[in-house]
Amino acid sequence: MSLKSLRNIWDTLTFRIVFWYAAVFTISSILAFYIYFIMVSAVISRQTDKELVEEVEEFADIYNEHGIEGIINKVNAEGAQENPEEESFRLLDNNGETIVSTDLSAWGDFAPSNDALKKINEGAEHIIQALSIPGRGDKVKIIYGRIGLDYIFQFGESLDEEAAFLNVFKGIFL
């Protein structure tokens, strides 16, 4: 096939139709995968938020049944069982002073959020924050929730498993 006949193929209607079809299909596929990725990310985020709320509700139930001693025992038991880099538990008074907590050394210089404490003290049921804590390579989600009249429970969870899943998902489609 000569160079002239190859140059003539670019000028054919068939080639132009095939080229535009391939371009539209490629762009549409990329857009569809992107939208699907965003939807999966949102579902994972909502599920994580739901699990955080359930954790606060569990500790509220323990407080209602066993009082402050039940909470202290549960926080100490969770601290012994869980990886301190993955989860943190902290019971605060209304002023934000720590009453009991798990090992927070893996969480760096991590103080309770004054804004979240204020909102909880003003009547918010719970506050969820997604944060990047200096010194940690992953993002975390923190929930603050009321436990009785005098206490605020703070639970933090690493998002490294969710991020790893989404990275694998991205790797499949990219």
C-alpha atoms as a PDB file:
ATOM      1  CA  MET A   1       0.000   0.000   0.000  1.00  0.00           C
ATOM      2  CA  SER A   2       1.450   3.302  -0.999  1.00  0.00           C
ATOM      3  CA  LEU A   3       1.715   6.398   1.148  1.00  0.00           C
ATOM      4  CA  LYS A   4      -0.722   8.179  -1.151  1.00  0.00           C
ATOM      5  CA  SER A   5      -3.448   5.568  -0.582  1.00  0.00           C
ATOM      6  CA  LEU A   6      -2.899   5.796   3.212  1.00  0.00           C
ATOM      7  CA  ARG A   7      -3.305   9.544   2.994  1.00  0.00           C
ATOM      8  CA  ASN A   8      -6.518   9.091   1.038  1.00  0.00           C
ATOM      9  CA  ILE A   9      -8.048   6.913   3.791  1.00  0.00           C
ATOM     10  CA  TRP A  10      -8.057   9.967   6.115  1.00  0.00           C
ATOM     11  CA  ASP A  11     -10.318  11.733   3.657  1.00  0.00           C
ATOM     12  CA  THR A  12     -12.962   8.984   3.501  1.00  0.00           C
ATOM     13  CA  LEU A  13     -16.335   9.359   5.187  1.00  0.00           C
ATOM     14  CA  THR A  14     -16.067   5.861   6.682  1.00  0.00           C
ATOM     15  CA  PHE A  15     -12.830   6.672   8.449  1.00  0.00           C
ATOM     16  CA  ARG A  16     -14.187   9.933   9.839  1.00  0.00           C
ATOM     17  CA  ILE A  17     -17.336   8.219  11.149  1.00  0.00           C
ATOM     18  CA  VAL A  18     -15.304   5.446  12.792  1.00  0.00           C
ATOM     19  CA  PHE A  19     -12.890   7.991  14.285  1.00  0.00           C
ATOM     20  CA  TRP A  20     -15.688  10.130  15.777  1.00  0.00           C
ATOM     21  CA  TYR A  21     -17.544   7.059  17.051  1.00  0.00           C
ATOM     22  CA  ALA A  22     -14.367   5.838  18.806  1.00  0.00           C
ATOM     23  CA  ALA A  23     -13.710   9.277  20.296  1.00  0.00           C
ATOM     24  CA  VAL A  24     -17.286   9.696  21.593  1.00  0.00           C
ATOM     25  CA  PHE A  25     -17.272   6.138  22.991  1.00  0.00           C
ATOM     26  CA  THR A  26     -13.946   6.682  24.786  1.00  0.00           C
ATOM     27  CA  ILE A  27     -14.997   9.997  26.310  1.00  0.00           C
ATOM     28  CA  SER A  28     -18.392   8.581  27.343  1.00  0.00           C
ATOM     29  CA  SER A  29     -16.768   5.540  28.960  1.00  0.00           C
ATOM     30  CA  ILE A  30     -14.322   7.665  30.940  1.00  0.00           C
ATOM     31  CA  LEU A  31     -17.151   9.923  32.106  1.00  0.00           C
ATOM     32  CA  ALA A  32     -19.302   6.917  33.101  1.00  0.00           C
ATOM     33  CA  PHE A  33     -16.470   5.361  35.127  1.00  0.00           C
ATOM     34  CA  TYR A  34     -15.801   8.709  36.826  1.00  0.00           C
ATOM     35  CA  ILE A  35     -19.470   9.126  37.794  1.00  0.00           C
ATOM     36  CA  TYR A  36     -19.583   5.539  39.059  1.00  0.00           C
ATOM     37  CA  PHE A  37     -16.427   6.134  41.140  1.00  0.00           C
ATOM     38  CA  ILE A  38     -17.952   9.269  42.701  1.00  0.00           C
ATOM     39  CA  MET A  39     -21.145   7.358  43.533  1.00  0.00           C
ATOM     40  CA  VAL A  40     -19.206   4.470  45.125  1.00  0.00           C
ATOM     41  CA  SER A  41     -17.150   6.977  47.157  1.00  0.00           C
ATOM     42  CA  ALA A  42     -20.333   8.656  48.415  1.00  0.00           C
ATOM     43  CA  VAL A  43     -21.894   5.325  49.420  1.00  0.00           C
ATOM     44  CA  ILE A  44     -18.742   4.334  51.336  1.00  0.00           C
ATOM     45  CA  SER A  45     -18.684   7.723  53.093  1.00  0.00           C
ATOM     46  CA  ARG A  46     -22.359   7.433  54.122  1.00  0.00           C
ATOM     47  CA  GLN A  47     -21.769   3.900  55.409  1.00  0.00           C
ATOM     48  CA  THR A  48     -18.793   5.062  57.464  1.00  0.00           C
ATOM     49  CA  ASP A  49     -20.886   7.899  58.936  1.00  0.00           C
ATOM     50  CA  LYS A  50     -23.637   5.416  59.829  1.00  0.00           C
ATOM     51  CA  GLU A  51     -21.117   3.170  61.602  1.00  0.00           C
ATOM     52  CA  LEU A  52     -19.774   6.161  63.557  1.00  0.00           C
ATOM     53  CA  VAL A  53     -23.279   7.101  64.724  1.00  0.00           C
ATOM     54  CA  GLU A  54     -23.917   3.486  65.767  1.00  0.00           C
ATOM     55  CA  GLU A  55     -20.707   3.550  67.836  1.00  0.00           C
ATOM     56  CA  VAL A  56     -21.872   6.648  69.728  1.00  0.00           C
ATOM     57  CA  GLU A  57     -25.306   5.079  70.256  1.00  0.00           C
ATOM     58  CA  GLU A  58     -23.656   1.935  71.653  1.00  0.00           C
ATOM     59  CA  PHE A  59     -21.728   3.991  74.202  1.00  0.00           C
ATOM     60  CA  ALA A  60     -24.862   5.989  75.085  1.00  0.00           C
ATOM     61  CA  ASP A  61     -26.658   2.704  75.800  1.00  0.00           C
ATOM     62  CA  ILE A  62     -23.767   1.555  77.994  1.00  0.00           C
ATOM     63  CA  TYR A  63     -23.929   4.852  79.891  1.00  0.00           C
ATOM     64  CA  ASN A  64     -27.694   4.506  80.382  1.00  0.00           C
ATOM     65  CA  GLU A  65     -27.313   0.949  81.709  1.00  0.00           C
ATOM     66  CA  HIS A  66     -24.034   1.104  83.666  1.00  0.00           C
ATOM     67  CA  GLY A  67     -23.217   4.778  84.171  1.00  0.00           C
ATOM     68  CA  ILE A  68     -19.810   6.392  83.872  1.00  0.00           C
ATOM     69  CA  GLU A  69     -18.018   3.291  85.207  1.00  0.00           C
ATOM     70  CA  GLY A  70     -19.469   1.259  82.328  1.00  0.00           C
ATOM     71  CA  ILE A  71     -18.114   3.783  79.831  1.00  0.00           C
ATOM     72  CA  ILE A  72     -14.673   3.814  81.448  1.00  0.00           C
ATOM     73  CA  ASN A  73     -14.549   0.003  81.428  1.00  0.00           C
ATOM     74  CA  LYS A  74     -15.670  -0.144  77.781  1.00  0.00           C
ATOM     75  CA  VAL A  75     -13.110   2.465  76.649  1.00  0.00           C
ATOM     76  CA  ASN A  76     -10.345   0.590  78.456  1.00  0.00           C
ATOM     77  CA  ALA A  77     -11.493  -2.729  76.941  1.00  0.00           C
ATOM     78  CA  GLU A  78     -11.661  -1.220  73.433  1.00  0.00           C
ATOM     79  CA  GLY A  79      -8.200   0.264  73.912  1.00  0.00           C
ATOM     80  CA  ALA A  80      -6.819  -3.167  74.761  1.00  0.00           C
ATOM     81  CA  GLN A  81      -8.515  -4.853  71.772  1.00  0.00           C
ATOM     82  CA  GLU A  82      -8.251  -2.330  68.938  1.00  0.00           C
ATOM     83  CA  ASN A  83      -5.227  -1.062  67.049  1.00  0.00           C
ATOM     84  CA  PRO A  84      -4.638   2.477  68.395  1.00  0.00           C
ATOM     85  CA  GLU A  85      -3.708   3.656  64.882  1.00  0.00           C
ATOM     86  CA  GLU A  86      -7.105   2.570  63.535  1.00  0.00           C
ATOM     87  CA  GLU A  87      -9.525   3.779  66.216  1.00  0.00           C
ATOM     88  CA  SER A  88      -9.575   6.207  69.112  1.00  0.00           C
ATOM     89  CA  PHE A  89     -12.075   6.559  71.938  1.00  0.00           C
ATOM     90  CA  ARG A  90     -12.301   9.542  74.258  1.00  0.00           C
ATOM     91  CA  LEU A  91     -14.857  10.549  76.875  1.00  0.00           C
ATOM     92  CA  LEU A  92     -14.995  14.283  77.569  1.00  0.00           C
ATOM     93  CA  ASP A  93     -16.848  16.467  79.999  1.00  0.00           C
ATOM     94  CA  ASN A  94     -18.912  19.390  78.669  1.00  0.00           C
ATOM     95  CA  ASN A  95     -15.822  21.641  78.814  1.00  0.00           C
ATOM     96  CA  GLY A  96     -13.785  19.291  76.627  1.00  0.00           C
ATOM     97  CA  GLU A  97     -11.596  17.900  79.415  1.00  0.00           C
ATOM     98  CA  THR A  98     -10.656  14.246  78.882  1.00  0.00           C
ATOM     99  CA  ILE A  99     -12.053  11.847  81.452  1.00  0.00           C
ATOM    100  CA  VAL A 100     -10.789   8.645  79.829  1.00  0.00           C
ATOM    101  CA  SER A 101      -9.324   7.751  76.453  1.00  0.00           C
ATOM    102  CA  THR A 102      -7.565   5.021  74.588  1.00  0.00           C
ATOM    103  CA  ASP A 103      -3.919   5.437  73.539  1.00  0.00           C
ATOM    104  CA  LEU A 104      -3.917   8.566  71.351  1.00  0.00           C
ATOM    105  CA  SER A 105      -0.174   8.626  70.601  1.00  0.00           C
ATOM    106  CA  ALA A 106      -0.755   7.466  67.014  1.00  0.00           C
ATOM    107  CA  TRP A 107      -3.133  10.407  66.521  1.00  0.00           C
ATOM    108  CA  GLY A 108      -0.515  13.090  67.136  1.00  0.00           C
ATOM    109  CA  ASP A 109      -1.359  16.362  68.829  1.00  0.00           C
ATOM    110  CA  PHE A 110      -5.065  15.836  68.495  1.00  0.00           C
ATOM    111  CA  ALA A 111      -7.222  18.049  70.693  1.00  0.00           C
ATOM    112  CA  PRO A 112     -11.023  17.992  70.736  1.00  0.00           C
ATOM    113  CA  SER A 113     -12.609  20.482  68.347  1.00  0.00           C
ATOM    114  CA  ASN A 114     -13.956  23.500  70.234  1.00  0.00           C
ATOM    115  CA  ASP A 115     -16.442  24.102  67.442  1.00  0.00           C
ATOM    116  CA  ALA A 116     -17.796  20.547  67.670  1.00  0.00           C
ATOM    117  CA  LEU A 117     -17.999  20.719  71.473  1.00  0.00           C
ATOM    118  CA  LYS A 118     -19.888  24.011  71.252  1.00  0.00           C
ATOM    119  CA  LYS A 119     -22.402  22.577  68.767  1.00  0.00           C
ATOM    120  CA  ILE A 120     -22.943  19.470  70.912  1.00  0.00           C
ATOM    121  CA  ASN A 121     -23.431  21.640  74.020  1.00  0.00           C
ATOM    122  CA  GLU A 122     -25.964  23.730  72.048  1.00  0.00           C
ATOM    123  CA  GLY A 123     -28.023  20.630  71.311  1.00  0.00           C
ATOM    124  CA  ALA A 124     -26.657  19.006  68.151  1.00  0.00           C
ATOM    125  CA  GLU A 125     -27.150  15.237  68.256  1.00  0.00           C
ATOM    126  CA  HIS A 126     -23.734  14.497  66.788  1.00  0.00           C
ATOM    127  CA  ILE A 127     -21.011  16.158  64.731  1.00  0.00           C
ATOM    128  CA  ILE A 128     -18.920  14.265  62.172  1.00  0.00           C
ATOM    129  CA  GLN A 129     -15.657  15.674  60.857  1.00  0.00           C
ATOM    130  CA  ALA A 130     -13.280  14.348  58.205  1.00  0.00           C
ATOM    131  CA  LEU A 131      -9.734  15.437  59.029  1.00  0.00           C
ATOM    132  CA  SER A 132      -6.135  15.146  57.962  1.00  0.00           C
ATOM    133  CA  ILE A 133      -4.092  15.003  61.143  1.00  0.00           C
ATOM    134  CA  PRO A 134      -0.448  16.109  60.875  1.00  0.00           C
ATOM    135  CA  GLY A 135       1.891  13.160  61.224  1.00  0.00           C
ATOM    136  CA  ARG A 136      -0.603  10.635  59.880  1.00  0.00           C
ATOM    137  CA  GLY A 137      -0.530   9.413  56.302  1.00  0.00           C
ATOM    138  CA  ASP A 138      -4.264   8.795  56.146  1.00  0.00           C
ATOM    139  CA  LYS A 139      -7.441  10.742  56.693  1.00  0.00           C
ATOM    140  CA  VAL A 140      -9.684  10.125  59.669  1.00  0.00           C
ATOM    141  CA  LYS A 141     -13.317  10.655  60.557  1.00  0.00           C
ATOM    142  CA  ILE A 142     -14.214  11.869  64.021  1.00  0.00           C
ATOM    143  CA  ILE A 143     -17.658  11.871  65.596  1.00  0.00           C
ATOM    144  CA  TYR A 144     -18.727  13.762  68.692  1.00  0.00           C
ATOM    145  CA  GLY A 145     -21.949  12.758  70.403  1.00  0.00           C
ATOM    146  CA  ARG A 146     -23.773  13.470  73.638  1.00  0.00           C
ATOM    147  CA  ILE A 147     -23.621  10.780  76.336  1.00  0.00           C
ATOM    148  CA  GLY A 148     -26.041  11.689  79.096  1.00  0.00           C
ATOM    149  CA  LEU A 149     -26.237  15.296  80.240  1.00  0.00           C
ATOM    150  CA  ASP A 150     -22.665  15.751  81.382  1.00  0.00           C
ATOM    151  CA  TYR A 151     -20.508  13.904  78.844  1.00  0.00           C
ATOM    152  CA  ILE A 152     -19.467  14.008  75.208  1.00  0.00           C
ATOM    153  CA  PHE A 153     -18.105  10.938  73.483  1.00  0.00           C
ATOM    154  CA  GLN A 154     -15.501  11.294  70.741  1.00  0.00           C
ATOM    155  CA  PHE A 155     -14.746   8.389  68.432  1.00  0.00           C
ATOM    156  CA  GLY A 156     -12.143   8.512  65.663  1.00  0.00           C
ATOM    157  CA  GLU A 157     -11.634   6.043  62.870  1.00  0.00           C
ATOM    158  CA  SER A 158      -8.900   5.829  60.259  1.00  0.00           C
ATOM    159  CA  LEU A 159     -10.069   5.890  56.646  1.00  0.00           C
ATOM    160  CA  ASP A 160      -7.073   3.934  55.328  1.00  0.00           C
ATOM    161  CA  GLU A 161      -9.146   0.818  54.481  1.00  0.00           C
ATOM    162  CA  GLU A 162     -11.666   2.887  52.526  1.00  0.00           C
ATOM    163  CA  ALA A 163      -8.862   4.720  50.732  1.00  0.00           C
ATOM    164  CA  ALA A 164      -7.146   1.421  49.871  1.00  0.00           C
ATOM    165  CA  PHE A 165     -10.400   0.050  48.436  1.00  0.00           C
ATOM    166  CA  LEU A 166     -10.962   3.157  46.331  1.00  0.00           C
ATOM    167  CA  ASN A 167      -7.353   3.064  45.096  1.00  0.00           C
ATOM    168  CA  VAL A 168      -7.814  -0.551  43.975  1.00  0.00           C
ATOM    169  CA  PHE A 169     -11.070   0.465  42.316  1.00  0.00           C
ATOM    170  CA  LYS A 170      -9.298   3.347  40.527  1.00  0.00           C
ATOM    171  CA  GLY A 171      -6.498   1.009  39.479  1.00  0.00           C
ATOM    172  CA  ILE A 172      -8.931  -1.354  37.813  1.00  0.00           C
ATOM    173  CA  PHE A 173     -10.418   1.341  35.630  1.00  0.00           C
ATOM    174  CA  LEU A 174      -7.363   3.481  34.924  1.00  0.00           C
END
